[in-house]
């Protein structure tokens, strides 16, 4: 890793010339680790910080997964990577109690052989204090000569700090933090560090790995390099990951300084999951700094979010719907349609008496047909309200705000039947061969333009996969027939039921 070593040496020079004084070090040793990058990488004001995080999490397509045991999250300034980081943290169940949360990152400021775990106090952010499990931190230092308390490694390191507000925002239970900064770039040392941590890689704990991907190539070069490196994670093989990273860094990509700045931290995770094929790596979302208004496409940094799920019972992305639930939801939609079209107002929706399923937040589409032909269809991927209320709102939108059709009139109501599609969380895919026609809906997004087809569209039209993608790309997203080939593609499933099912 000669290129990475050169970068590290550069940062060592930086810290020698701009680092903290001995008096500052002493101050930090005696009390909590204070936020060093609030006001730089993210807002210093807690109200502004929460507002930004609200926006990033609202943009996330990912959903909580009880089997999430680790995530990989970027650590750039929030305006560049905040949305990608939110997509990783969104996979963590907010109300789950973790015994400990390990945050592991690689030092950008200094090199040392081993790992520094903070032992001298707690971490602080604009949201307040986070308890550090100092007892375990000291135990790790006693147990292995590779673990020690270097306060100086933590004082000026941004890559661990920027993860913490996301944790505080997402996790509603007590956080017991184990902050670890790796100073080594030796794979064998990383493997030994992972062996020490392996007893803690279990159902009780969560691991957060902090890293960005490629540094400073042009936009398209970054997209290709980052996809290659990220895809190598799916094989859960440390050797293959290192080989791929080395290969990418040797391909002569102009201005490429590194394919992944925090590769030792990611390698640690791979050594923790190695040998168990039931641990699954899933790529969630990709962007690079060139995708933002602040970035330069001639010189970018890449960001991927990744989740790792543990072995166990298959996770159900949505709850079971009984026939009663389906009838109740269709009844709400029919009542809304009738009263809004006839009287011009939305009827009250009594959700309290309905099941927990109908009071949960899920994405949905409401589709109207008239004599078998489409008469309106509007949906929402990101849930912002209980399903029972969302379906009522979507019914109004489908009947009056679908730009393809005039508003529904009273004379048409008897000829219209309603169909509801409740959506599962989206999953980003790198290979379109994962799309199963009739089972998966698709969502295509590129350059701010997007379009979707529900799963039933493929069944109703009889399209091939190429036609399914081409029509969505051309007719819905407006990016041309082949636009999907370099766009972001997400898949989802749907629970589909309609009034015809109960006639």
Foldseek 3Di string as FASTA:
>chain_A
DVLLVVQLVVLQVVCVVPNDDPVVLVVCLQEAQEDPQDVPLADQAPVRRVVLLVVLLLPALAAAFLQFFEKEAEQGRCLWGVNQRSNQLRNHQQADAAPAEEEEFEFSHAADQAKAKAQRYWYAGNVGTAAEPNVVLVVLVVVDVRYDHDSRSVNPGRQRVRSVVSSVSRHPDHHHYTYMYHRDPDLVSLLVNLVSCLVVSDSRYHYYYYKWFWWWAAQVLLVVLLVQLLVQVQVLDLVSNVVSQVVSVPPPGPRTSGGMNGVSSVSSVSSSCPPPNQWGKAWADKDWSVLGPVDDRRTIIIITMITIGHDDDDTDLADDDDPVNVVLLQVQLLVLLQCCQVPVDGDDFDPPVDDVRQFDFFKKKKWKDFQNHTAFIDIDGRGDGGNSVRSSVRSQCRQPPRVVHHHDHNVRSVRMKMKMWTKGRKGWDPDLVPDDQLFKKKWWDDPHFIFIDASCVCVVVVDDSLVNQQCRVCVGRNCHSCSRVPITMIIIGIDMDIPVVVD
